[in-house]
Amino acid sequence: MTPAQAITSLDSQLAAHGETVSLQHMTAGAVASTDTPRAFVRDYRSDELVGAIQQGDRKVILSATGVTGLPKANDRVVVAGRTFNVQAVETVRLAGTVVRHNLRVRG
């Protein structure tokens, strides 16, 4: 699978099953820019509550499509009017190309 195919596949799934969120890129405590990508948002299962993951944290999966720059800890995600702080980011690359971001958010 090429990076372009992976992105297209994820974008298709997010279009069908995801929701639009607001990703607020923060700089010095203020919103520097905002993206509105499609995302898949879910709670962590009880067997996933290990390490720094706490009950109430959520996993947000974003495609590289529609996201400017790389999300980082302390950015914010607004889901259905509720604001979450980004705790951790796993950026997934395929053949050196960013295809998705897995965020752990809390709020």
PDB file of N, CA and C in Angstrom:
ATOM      1  N   MET A   1       0.849  -1.172   0.000  1.00  0.00           N
ATOM      2  CA  MET A   1       0.000   0.000   0.000  1.00  0.00           C
ATOM      3  C   MET A   1       0.900   1.242   0.000  1.00  0.00           C
ATOM      4  N   THR A   2       0.583   2.181  -0.853  1.00  0.00           N
ATOM      5  CA  THR A   2       1.348   3.421  -0.907  1.00  0.00           C
ATOM      6  C   THR A   2       0.805   4.398   0.123  1.00  0.00           C
ATOM      7  N   PRO A   3       1.556   5.430   0.485  1.00  0.00           N
ATOM      8  CA  PRO A   3       1.031   6.450   1.397  1.00  0.00           C
ATOM      9  C   PRO A   3      -0.260   7.075   0.871  1.00  0.00           C
ATOM     10  N   ALA A   4      -0.309   7.369  -0.413  1.00  0.00           N
ATOM     11  CA  ALA A   4      -1.513   7.980  -0.991  1.00  0.00           C
ATOM     12  C   ALA A   4      -2.724   7.048  -0.847  1.00  0.00           C
ATOM     13  N   GLN A   5      -2.514   5.744  -1.053  1.00  0.00           N
ATOM     14  CA  GLN A   5      -3.611   4.785  -0.895  1.00  0.00           C
ATOM     15  C   GLN A   5      -4.066   4.711   0.560  1.00  0.00           C
ATOM     16  N   ALA A   6      -3.112   4.740   1.493  1.00  0.00           N
ATOM     17  CA  ALA A   6      -3.454   4.692   2.916  1.00  0.00           C
ATOM     18  C   ALA A   6      -4.262   5.926   3.318  1.00  0.00           C
ATOM     19  N   ILE A   7      -3.845   7.088   2.848  1.00  0.00           N
ATOM     20  CA  ILE A   7      -4.569   8.321   3.166  1.00  0.00           C
ATOM     21  C   ILE A   7      -5.962   8.294   2.562  1.00  0.00           C
ATOM     22  N   THR A   8      -6.078   7.866   1.302  1.00  0.00           N
ATOM     23  CA  THR A   8      -7.384   7.797   0.636  1.00  0.00           C
ATOM     24  C   THR A   8      -8.319   6.841   1.370  1.00  0.00           C
ATOM     25  N   SER A   9      -7.792   5.692   1.784  1.00  0.00           N
ATOM     26  CA  SER A   9      -8.599   4.714   2.513  1.00  0.00           C
ATOM     27  C   SER A   9      -9.090   5.278   3.843  1.00  0.00           C
ATOM     28  N   LEU A  10      -8.178   5.904   4.602  1.00  0.00           N
ATOM     29  CA  LEU A  10      -8.574   6.495   5.883  1.00  0.00           C
ATOM     30  C   LEU A  10      -9.574   7.620   5.670  1.00  0.00           C
ATOM     31  N   ASP A  11      -9.335   8.476   4.682  1.00  0.00           N
ATOM     32  CA  ASP A  11     -10.270   9.580   4.409  1.00  0.00           C
ATOM     33  C   ASP A  11     -11.665   9.061   4.082  1.00  0.00           C
ATOM     34  N   SER A  12     -11.727   7.965   3.335  1.00  0.00           N
ATOM     35  CA  SER A  12     -13.015   7.364   2.986  1.00  0.00           C
ATOM     36  C   SER A  12     -13.741   6.869   4.233  1.00  0.00           C
ATOM     37  N   GLN A  13     -13.013   6.191   5.127  1.00  0.00           N
ATOM     38  CA  GLN A  13     -13.613   5.688   6.370  1.00  0.00           C
ATOM     39  C   GLN A  13     -14.067   6.839   7.273  1.00  0.00           C
ATOM     40  N   LEU A  14     -13.243   7.888   7.357  1.00  0.00           N
ATOM     41  CA  LEU A  14     -13.612   9.032   8.188  1.00  0.00           C
ATOM     42  C   LEU A  14     -14.820   9.770   7.616  1.00  0.00           C
ATOM     43  N   ALA A  15     -14.913   9.853   6.290  1.00  0.00           N
ATOM     44  CA  ALA A  15     -16.075  10.494   5.664  1.00  0.00           C
ATOM     45  C   ALA A  15     -17.350   9.726   5.986  1.00  0.00           C
ATOM     46  N   ALA A  16     -17.244   8.396   5.990  1.00  0.00           N
ATOM     47  CA  ALA A  16     -18.417   7.556   6.229  1.00  0.00           C
ATOM     48  C   ALA A  16     -18.767   7.415   7.703  1.00  0.00           C
ATOM     49  N   HIS A  17     -17.764   7.370   8.581  1.00  0.00           N
ATOM     50  CA  HIS A  17     -18.014   7.007   9.974  1.00  0.00           C
ATOM     51  C   HIS A  17     -17.498   8.012  11.005  1.00  0.00           C
ATOM     52  N   GLY A  18     -16.783   9.025  10.568  1.00  0.00           N
ATOM     53  CA  GLY A  18     -16.195   9.973  11.504  1.00  0.00           C
ATOM     54  C   GLY A  18     -17.080  11.181  11.746  1.00  0.00           C
ATOM     55  N   GLU A  19     -16.486  12.165  12.372  1.00  0.00           N
ATOM     56  CA  GLU A  19     -17.181  13.425  12.631  1.00  0.00           C
ATOM     57  C   GLU A  19     -16.180  14.561  12.480  1.00  0.00           C
ATOM     58  N   THR A  20     -16.687  15.752  12.208  1.00  0.00           N
ATOM     59  CA  THR A  20     -15.819  16.906  12.070  1.00  0.00           C
ATOM     60  C   THR A  20     -15.478  17.436  13.460  1.00  0.00           C
ATOM     61  N   VAL A  21     -14.188  17.674  13.679  1.00  0.00           N
ATOM     62  CA  VAL A  21     -13.719  18.221  14.951  1.00  0.00           C
ATOM     63  C   VAL A  21     -12.949  19.510  14.659  1.00  0.00           C
ATOM     64  N   SER A  22     -12.644  20.228  15.693  1.00  0.00           N
ATOM     65  CA  SER A  22     -11.803  21.419  15.581  1.00  0.00           C
ATOM     66  C   SER A  22     -10.486  21.128  16.281  1.00  0.00           C
ATOM     67  N   LEU A  23      -9.394  21.208  15.530  1.00  0.00           N
ATOM     68  CA  LEU A  23      -8.061  21.023  16.090  1.00  0.00           C
ATOM     69  C   LEU A  23      -7.436  22.402  16.229  1.00  0.00           C
ATOM     70  N   GLN A  24      -7.229  22.824  17.466  1.00  0.00           N
ATOM     71  CA  GLN A  24      -6.682  24.150  17.741  1.00  0.00           C
ATOM     72  C   GLN A  24      -5.201  24.017  18.059  1.00  0.00           C
ATOM     73  N   HIS A  25      -4.367  24.557  17.170  1.00  0.00           N
ATOM     74  CA  HIS A  25      -2.923  24.563  17.390  1.00  0.00           C
ATOM     75  C   HIS A  25      -2.615  25.722  18.341  1.00  0.00           C
ATOM     76  N   MET A  26      -2.008  25.396  19.489  1.00  0.00           N
ATOM     77  CA  MET A  26      -1.758  26.393  20.521  1.00  0.00           C
ATOM     78  C   MET A  26      -0.301  26.857  20.501  1.00  0.00           C
ATOM     79  N   THR A  27      -0.101  28.147  20.710  1.00  0.00           N
ATOM     80  CA  THR A  27       1.225  28.731  20.865  1.00  0.00           C
ATOM     81  C   THR A  27       1.152  29.742  22.000  1.00  0.00           C
ATOM     82  N   ALA A  28       1.996  29.565  23.006  1.00  0.00           N
ATOM     83  CA  ALA A  28       2.044  30.466  24.164  1.00  0.00           C
ATOM     84  C   ALA A  28       0.665  30.645  24.801  1.00  0.00           C
ATOM     85  N   GLY A  29      -0.105  29.556  24.875  1.00  0.00           N
ATOM     86  CA  GLY A  29      -1.398  29.581  25.550  1.00  0.00           C
ATOM     87  C   GLY A  29      -2.539  30.177  24.753  1.00  0.00           C
ATOM     88  N   ALA A  30      -2.296  30.526  23.495  1.00  0.00           N
ATOM     89  CA  ALA A  30      -3.345  31.101  22.652  1.00  0.00           C
ATOM     90  C   ALA A  30      -3.495  30.262  21.386  1.00  0.00           C
ATOM     91  N   VAL A  31      -4.676  30.315  20.809  1.00  0.00           N
ATOM     92  CA  VAL A  31      -4.924  29.583  19.571  1.00  0.00           C
ATOM     93  C   VAL A  31      -4.179  30.273  18.434  1.00  0.00           C
ATOM     94  N   ALA A  32      -3.224  29.559  17.834  1.00  0.00           N
ATOM     95  CA  ALA A  32      -2.439  30.111  16.729  1.00  0.00           C
ATOM     96  C   ALA A  32      -3.127  29.856  15.387  1.00  0.00           C
ATOM     97  N   SER A  33      -3.756  28.684  15.250  1.00  0.00           N
ATOM     98  CA  SER A  33      -4.496  28.345  14.031  1.00  0.00           C
ATOM     99  C   SER A  33      -5.452  27.208  14.355  1.00  0.00           C
ATOM    100  N   THR A  34      -6.433  27.026  13.486  1.00  0.00           N
ATOM    101  CA  THR A  34      -7.440  25.995  13.703  1.00  0.00           C
ATOM    102  C   THR A  34      -7.674  25.228  12.411  1.00  0.00           C
ATOM    103  N   ASP A  35      -7.717  23.909  12.525  1.00  0.00           N
ATOM    104  CA  ASP A  35      -8.097  23.034  11.412  1.00  0.00           C
ATOM    105  C   ASP A  35      -9.424  22.388  11.774  1.00  0.00           C
ATOM    106  N   THR A  36     -10.192  21.974  10.765  1.00  0.00           N
ATOM    107  CA  THR A  36     -11.464  21.288  11.026  1.00  0.00           C
ATOM    108  C   THR A  36     -11.501  19.966  10.245  1.00  0.00           C
ATOM    109  N   PRO A  37     -10.654  19.018  10.634  1.00  0.00           N
ATOM    110  CA  PRO A  37     -10.622  17.726   9.936  1.00  0.00           C
ATOM    111  C   PRO A  37     -11.739  16.797  10.400  1.00  0.00           C
ATOM    112  N   ARG A  38     -11.948  15.744   9.635  1.00  0.00           N
ATOM    113  CA  ARG A  38     -12.805  14.649  10.067  1.00  0.00           C
ATOM    114  C   ARG A  38     -11.975  13.780  10.994  1.00  0.00           C
ATOM    115  N   ALA A  39     -12.629  13.156  11.973  1.00  0.00           N
ATOM    116  CA  ALA A  39     -11.912  12.345  12.954  1.00  0.00           C
ATOM    117  C   ALA A  39     -12.790  11.195  13.420  1.00  0.00           C
ATOM    118  N   PHE A  40     -12.122  10.177  13.917  1.00  0.00           N
ATOM    119  CA  PHE A  40     -12.800   9.081  14.607  1.00  0.00           C
ATOM    120  C   PHE A  40     -12.440   9.243  16.071  1.00  0.00           C
ATOM    121  N   VAL A  41     -13.460   9.386  16.929  1.00  0.00           N
ATOM    122  CA  VAL A  41     -13.249   9.634  18.354  1.00  0.00           C
ATOM    123  C   VAL A  41     -13.871   8.484  19.132  1.00  0.00           C
ATOM    124  N   ARG A  42     -13.087   7.932  20.066  1.00  0.00           N
ATOM    125  CA  ARG A  42     -13.635   6.852  20.896  1.00  0.00           C
ATOM    126  C   ARG A  42     -13.012   6.896  22.284  1.00  0.00           C
ATOM    127  N   ASP A  43     -13.734   6.315  23.235  1.00  0.00           N
ATOM    128  CA  ASP A  43     -13.197   6.147  24.581  1.00  0.00           C
ATOM    129  C   ASP A  43     -12.216   4.986  24.571  1.00  0.00           C
ATOM    130  N   TYR A  44     -11.298   4.987  25.515  1.00  0.00           N
ATOM    131  CA  TYR A  44     -10.411   3.843  25.683  1.00  0.00           C
ATOM    132  C   TYR A  44     -11.174   2.736  26.393  1.00  0.00           C
ATOM    133  N   ARG A  45     -10.918   1.496  26.018  1.00  0.00           N
ATOM    134  CA  ARG A  45     -11.504   0.352  26.712  1.00  0.00           C
ATOM    135  C   ARG A  45     -10.795   0.173  28.050  1.00  0.00           C
ATOM    136  N   SER A  46     -11.427  -0.508  28.968  1.00  0.00           N
ATOM    137  CA  SER A  46     -10.847  -0.691  30.304  1.00  0.00           C
ATOM    138  C   SER A  46      -9.493  -1.405  30.248  1.00  0.00           C
ATOM    139  N   ASP A  47      -9.317  -2.334  29.298  1.00  0.00           N
ATOM    140  CA  ASP A  47      -8.034  -3.038  29.211  1.00  0.00           C
ATOM    141  C   ASP A  47      -6.926  -2.162  28.617  1.00  0.00           C
ATOM    142  N   GLU A  48      -7.274  -0.991  28.110  1.00  0.00           N
ATOM    143  CA  GLU A  48      -6.281  -0.058  27.557  1.00  0.00           C
ATOM    144  C   GLU A  48      -5.833   0.991  28.577  1.00  0.00           C
ATOM    145  N   LEU A  49      -6.426   0.975  29.768  1.00  0.00           N
ATOM    146  CA  LEU A  49      -6.099   1.974  30.785  1.00  0.00           C
ATOM    147  C   LEU A  49      -4.816   1.579  31.504  1.00  0.00           C
ATOM    148  N   VAL A  50      -3.702   1.827  30.854  1.00  0.00           N
ATOM    149  CA  VAL A  50      -2.384   1.516  31.403  1.00  0.00           C
ATOM    150  C   VAL A  50      -1.479   2.725  31.233  1.00  0.00           C
ATOM    151  N   GLY A  51      -0.433   2.774  32.020  1.00  0.00           N
ATOM    152  CA  GLY A  51       0.516   3.882  31.914  1.00  0.00           C
ATOM    153  C   GLY A  51      -0.163   5.213  32.180  1.00  0.00           C
ATOM    154  N   ALA A  52       0.024   6.162  31.275  1.00  0.00           N
ATOM    155  CA  ALA A  52      -0.514   7.512  31.451  1.00  0.00           C
ATOM    156  C   ALA A  52      -1.969   7.640  31.018  1.00  0.00           C
ATOM    157  N   ILE A  53      -2.553   6.581  30.441  1.00  0.00           N
ATOM    158  CA  ILE A  53      -3.945   6.643  29.984  1.00  0.00           C
ATOM    159  C   ILE A  53      -4.876   6.508  31.181  1.00  0.00           C
ATOM    160  N   GLN A  54      -5.784   7.470  31.314  1.00  0.00           N
ATOM    161  CA  GLN A  54      -6.717   7.493  32.439  1.00  0.00           C
ATOM    162  C   GLN A  54      -8.141   7.294  31.942  1.00  0.00           C
ATOM    163  N   GLN A  55      -8.999   6.820  32.857  1.00  0.00           N
ATOM    164  CA  GLN A  55     -10.410   6.712  32.526  1.00  0.00           C
ATOM    165  C   GLN A  55     -10.911   8.101  32.162  1.00  0.00           C
ATOM    166  N   GLY A  56     -11.662   8.209  31.085  1.00  0.00           N
ATOM    167  CA  GLY A  56     -12.156   9.501  30.602  1.00  0.00           C
ATOM    168  C   GLY A  56     -11.343  10.054  29.442  1.00  0.00           C
ATOM    169  N   ASP A  57     -10.110   9.560  29.273  1.00  0.00           N
ATOM    170  CA  ASP A  57      -9.324   9.960  28.108  1.00  0.00           C
ATOM    171  C   ASP A  57      -9.996   9.398  26.858  1.00  0.00           C
ATOM    172  N   ARG A  58      -9.747  10.044  25.743  1.00  0.00           N
ATOM    173  CA  ARG A  58     -10.292   9.573  24.471  1.00  0.00           C
ATOM    174  C   ARG A  58      -9.197   9.483  23.432  1.00  0.00           C
ATOM    175  N   LYS A  59      -9.424   8.615  22.473  1.00  0.00           N
ATOM    176  CA  LYS A  59      -8.503   8.471  21.343  1.00  0.00           C
ATOM    177  C   LYS A  59      -9.138   9.169  20.143  1.00  0.00           C
ATOM    178  N   VAL A  60      -8.367  10.026  19.496  1.00  0.00           N
ATOM    179  CA  VAL A  60      -8.832  10.754  18.322  1.00  0.00           C
ATOM    180  C   VAL A  60      -7.899  10.390  17.170  1.00  0.00           C
ATOM    181  N   ILE A  61      -8.469   9.851  16.100  1.00  0.00           N
ATOM    182  CA  ILE A  61      -7.688   9.486  14.925  1.00  0.00           C
ATOM    183  C   ILE A  61      -7.992  10.498  13.829  1.00  0.00           C
ATOM    184  N   LEU A  62      -6.928  11.146  13.348  1.00  0.00           N
ATOM    185  CA  LEU A  62      -7.039  12.152  12.293  1.00  0.00           C
ATOM    186  C   LEU A  62      -6.235  11.708  11.088  1.00  0.00           C
ATOM    187  N   SER A  63      -6.762  11.953   9.899  1.00  0.00           N
ATOM    188  CA  SER A  63      -5.982  11.763   8.683  1.00  0.00           C
ATOM    189  C   SER A  63      -5.023  12.938   8.552  1.00  0.00           C
ATOM    190  N   ALA A  64      -3.994  12.769   7.764  1.00  0.00           N
ATOM    191  CA  ALA A  64      -3.095  13.880   7.462  1.00  0.00           C
ATOM    192  C   ALA A  64      -3.815  14.935   6.611  1.00  0.00           C
ATOM    193  N   THR A  65      -4.889  14.530   5.936  1.00  0.00           N
ATOM    194  CA  THR A  65      -5.666  15.445   5.107  1.00  0.00           C
ATOM    195  C   THR A  65      -6.345  16.482   5.983  1.00  0.00           C
ATOM    196  N   GLY A  66      -6.172  17.731   5.677  1.00  0.00           N
ATOM    197  CA  GLY A  66      -6.854  18.798   6.396  1.00  0.00           C
ATOM    198  C   GLY A  66      -6.195  19.224   7.682  1.00  0.00           C
ATOM    199  N   VAL A  67      -5.025  18.693   7.974  1.00  0.00           N
ATOM    200  CA  VAL A  67      -4.300  19.080   9.190  1.00  0.00           C
ATOM    201  C   VAL A  67      -3.025  19.795   8.768  1.00  0.00           C
ATOM    202  N   THR A  68      -2.923  21.056   9.141  1.00  0.00           N
ATOM    203  CA  THR A  68      -1.724  21.822   8.816  1.00  0.00           C
ATOM    204  C   THR A  68      -0.723  21.652   9.946  1.00  0.00           C
ATOM    205  N   GLY A  69       0.487  21.345   9.602  1.00  0.00           N
ATOM    206  CA  GLY A  69       1.501  21.117  10.627  1.00  0.00           C
ATOM    207  C   GLY A  69       1.238  19.821  11.365  1.00  0.00           C
ATOM    208  N   LEU A  70       2.026  19.584  12.390  1.00  0.00           N
ATOM    209  CA  LEU A  70       1.861  18.387  13.203  1.00  0.00           C
ATOM    210  C   LEU A  70       1.168  18.742  14.509  1.00  0.00           C
ATOM    211  N   PRO A  71       0.127  17.984  14.887  1.00  0.00           N
ATOM    212  CA  PRO A  71      -0.461  18.207  16.206  1.00  0.00           C
ATOM    213  C   PRO A  71       0.591  17.933  17.280  1.00  0.00           C
ATOM    214  N   LYS A  72       0.440  18.585  18.419  1.00  0.00           N
ATOM    215  CA  LYS A  72       1.408  18.401  19.505  1.00  0.00           C
ATOM    216  C   LYS A  72       0.675  18.423  20.835  1.00  0.00           C
ATOM    217  N   ALA A  73       1.369  17.943  21.868  1.00  0.00           N
ATOM    218  CA  ALA A  73       0.809  18.002  23.219  1.00  0.00           C
ATOM    219  C   ALA A  73       0.482  19.452  23.532  1.00  0.00           C
ATOM    220  N   ASN A  74      -0.608  19.649  24.247  1.00  0.00           N
ATOM    221  CA  ASN A  74      -1.139  20.949  24.668  1.00  0.00           C
ATOM    222  C   ASN A  74      -1.925  21.664  23.580  1.00  0.00           C
ATOM    223  N   ASP A  75      -2.034  21.100  22.366  1.00  0.00           N
ATOM    224  CA  ASP A  75      -3.031  21.598  21.426  1.00  0.00           C
ATOM    225  C   ASP A  75      -4.386  21.194  21.990  1.00  0.00           C
ATOM    226  N   ARG A  76      -5.459  21.647  21.369  1.00  0.00           N
ATOM    227  CA  ARG A  76      -6.802  21.307  21.842  1.00  0.00           C
ATOM    228  C   ARG A  76      -7.633  20.749  20.700  1.00  0.00           C
ATOM    229  N   VAL A  77      -8.559  19.866  21.072  1.00  0.00           N
ATOM    230  CA  VAL A  77      -9.511  19.304  20.118  1.00  0.00           C
ATOM    231  C   VAL A  77     -10.904  19.555  20.671  1.00  0.00           C
ATOM    232  N   VAL A  78     -11.770  20.109  19.836  1.00  0.00           N
ATOM    233  CA  VAL A  78     -13.161  20.342  20.233  1.00  0.00           C
ATOM    234  C   VAL A  78     -14.019  19.324  19.502  1.00  0.00           C
ATOM    235  N   VAL A  79     -14.718  18.497  20.298  1.00  0.00           N
ATOM    236  CA  VAL A  79     -15.569  17.432  19.778  1.00  0.00           C
ATOM    237  C   VAL A  79     -16.978  17.679  20.286  1.00  0.00           C
ATOM    238  N   ALA A  80     -17.913  17.918  19.374  1.00  0.00           N
ATOM    239  CA  ALA A  80     -19.320  18.144  19.733  1.00  0.00           C
ATOM    240  C   ALA A  80     -19.451  19.208  20.828  1.00  0.00           C
ATOM    241  N   GLY A  81     -18.671  20.280  20.706  1.00  0.00           N
ATOM    242  CA  GLY A  81     -18.746  21.391  21.649  1.00  0.00           C
ATOM    243  C   GLY A  81     -17.942  21.222  22.923  1.00  0.00           C
ATOM    244  N   ARG A  82     -17.319  20.074  23.112  1.00  0.00           N
ATOM    245  CA  ARG A  82     -16.532  19.817  24.313  1.00  0.00           C
ATOM    246  C   ARG A  82     -15.042  19.899  23.979  1.00  0.00           C
ATOM    247  N   THR A  83     -14.290  20.636  24.797  1.00  0.00           N
ATOM    248  CA  THR A  83     -12.876  20.856  24.538  1.00  0.00           C
ATOM    249  C   THR A  83     -12.022  19.863  25.311  1.00  0.00           C
ATOM    250  N   PHE A  84     -11.075  19.261  24.600  1.00  0.00           N
ATOM    251  CA  PHE A  84     -10.127  18.310  25.175  1.00  0.00           C
ATOM    252  C   PHE A  84      -8.716  18.817  24.934  1.00  0.00           C
ATOM    253  N   ASN A  85      -7.830  18.591  25.888  1.00  0.00           N
ATOM    254  CA  ASN A  85      -6.418  18.923  25.729  1.00  0.00           C
ATOM    255  C   ASN A  85      -5.672  17.709  25.212  1.00  0.00           C
ATOM    256  N   VAL A  86      -4.811  17.933  24.231  1.00  0.00           N
ATOM    257  CA  VAL A  86      -4.014  16.844  23.676  1.00  0.00           C
ATOM    258  C   VAL A  86      -2.923  16.484  24.678  1.00  0.00           C
ATOM    259  N   GLN A  87      -2.903  15.227  25.092  1.00  0.00           N
ATOM    260  CA  GLN A  87      -1.910  14.728  26.044  1.00  0.00           C
ATOM    261  C   GLN A  87      -0.706  14.126  25.328  1.00  0.00           C
ATOM    262  N   ALA A  88      -0.969  13.409  24.232  1.00  0.00           N
ATOM    263  CA  ALA A  88       0.104  12.729  23.501  1.00  0.00           C
ATOM    264  C   ALA A  88      -0.304  12.580  22.049  1.00  0.00           C
ATOM    265  N   VAL A  89       0.709  12.544  21.182  1.00  0.00           N
ATOM    266  CA  VAL A  89       0.484  12.401  19.743  1.00  0.00           C
ATOM    267  C   VAL A  89       1.380  11.294  19.208  1.00  0.00           C
ATOM    268  N   GLU A  90       0.788  10.385  18.455  1.00  0.00           N
ATOM    269  CA  GLU A  90       1.547   9.395  17.702  1.00  0.00           C
ATOM    270  C   GLU A  90       1.289   9.703  16.229  1.00  0.00           C
ATOM    271  N   THR A  91       2.306  10.174  15.534  1.00  0.00           N
ATOM    272  CA  THR A  91       2.188  10.451  14.101  1.00  0.00           C
ATOM    273  C   THR A  91       2.650   9.216  13.346  1.00  0.00           C
ATOM    274  N   VAL A  92       1.774   8.703  12.480  1.00  0.00           N
ATOM    275  CA  VAL A  92       2.047   7.474  11.742  1.00  0.00           C
ATOM    276  C   VAL A  92       2.514   7.851  10.336  1.00  0.00           C
ATOM    277  N   ARG A  93       3.678   7.337   9.977  1.00  0.00           N
ATOM    278  CA  ARG A  93       4.247   7.576   8.656  1.00  0.00           C
ATOM    279  C   ARG A  93       4.335   6.255   7.899  1.00  0.00           C
ATOM    280  N   LEU A  94       4.154   6.343   6.596  1.00  0.00           N
ATOM    281  CA  LEU A  94       4.316   5.200   5.710  1.00  0.00           C
ATOM    282  C   LEU A  94       5.269   5.648   4.615  1.00  0.00           C
ATOM    283  N   ALA A  95       6.394   4.968   4.495  1.00  0.00           N
ATOM    284  CA  ALA A  95       7.423   5.333   3.510  1.00  0.00           C
ATOM    285  C   ALA A  95       7.824   6.801   3.662  1.00  0.00           C
ATOM    286  N   GLY A  96       7.878   7.270   4.916  1.00  0.00           N
ATOM    287  CA  GLY A  96       8.316   8.633   5.193  1.00  0.00           C
ATOM    288  C   GLY A  96       7.250   9.701   5.041  1.00  0.00           C
ATOM    289  N   THR A  97       6.030   9.330   4.664  1.00  0.00           N
ATOM    290  CA  THR A  97       4.932  10.281   4.472  1.00  0.00           C
ATOM    291  C   THR A  97       3.944  10.162   5.628  1.00  0.00           C
ATOM    292  N   VAL A  98       3.559  11.287   6.215  1.00  0.00           N
ATOM    293  CA  VAL A  98       2.571  11.282   7.293  1.00  0.00           C
ATOM    294  C   VAL A  98       1.222  10.881   6.708  1.00  0.00           C
ATOM    295  N   VAL A  99       0.620   9.828   7.300  1.00  0.00           N
ATOM    296  CA  VAL A  99      -0.688   9.372   6.833  1.00  0.00           C
ATOM    297  C   VAL A  99      -1.787   9.579   7.868  1.00  0.00           C
ATOM    298  N   ARG A 100      -1.425   9.597   9.152  1.00  0.00           N
ATOM    299  CA  ARG A 100      -2.444   9.826  10.182  1.00  0.00           C
ATOM    300  C   ARG A 100      -1.797  10.238  11.487  1.00  0.00           C
ATOM    301  N   HIS A 101      -2.656  10.754  12.388  1.00  0.00           N
ATOM    302  CA  HIS A 101      -2.233  11.137  13.734  1.00  0.00           C
ATOM    303  C   HIS A 101      -3.180  10.469  14.719  1.00  0.00           C
ATOM    304  N   ASN A 102      -2.627   9.797  15.724  1.00  0.00           N
ATOM    305  CA  ASN A 102      -3.412   9.223  16.813  1.00  0.00           C
ATOM    306  C   ASN A 102      -3.176  10.114  18.033  1.00  0.00           C
ATOM    307  N   LEU A 103      -4.224  10.729  18.515  1.00  0.00           N
ATOM    308  CA  LEU A 103      -4.112  11.637  19.652  1.00  0.00           C
ATOM    309  C   LEU A 103      -4.739  11.018  20.885  1.00  0.00           C
ATOM    310  N   ARG A 104      -4.119  11.235  22.035  1.00  0.00           N
ATOM    311  CA  ARG A 104      -4.751  10.914  23.323  1.00  0.00           C
ATOM    312  C   ARG A 104      -5.143  12.245  23.927  1.00  0.00           C
ATOM    313  N   VAL A 105      -6.445  12.423  24.152  1.00  0.00           N
ATOM    314  CA  VAL A 105      -6.938  13.704  24.654  1.00  0.00           C
ATOM    315  C   VAL A 105      -7.626  13.523  25.996  1.00  0.00           C
ATOM    316  N   ARG A 106      -7.658  14.592  26.750  1.00  0.00           N
ATOM    317  CA  ARG A 106      -8.254  14.574  28.093  1.00  0.00           C
ATOM    318  C   ARG A 106      -9.044  15.858  28.298  1.00  0.00           C
ATOM    319  N   GLY A 107     -10.160  15.726  28.977  1.00  0.00           N
ATOM    320  CA  GLY A 107     -10.927  16.935  29.278  1.00  0.00           C
ATOM    321  C   GLY A 107     -12.301  16.574  29.640  1.00  0.00           C
TER     322      GLY A 107
END
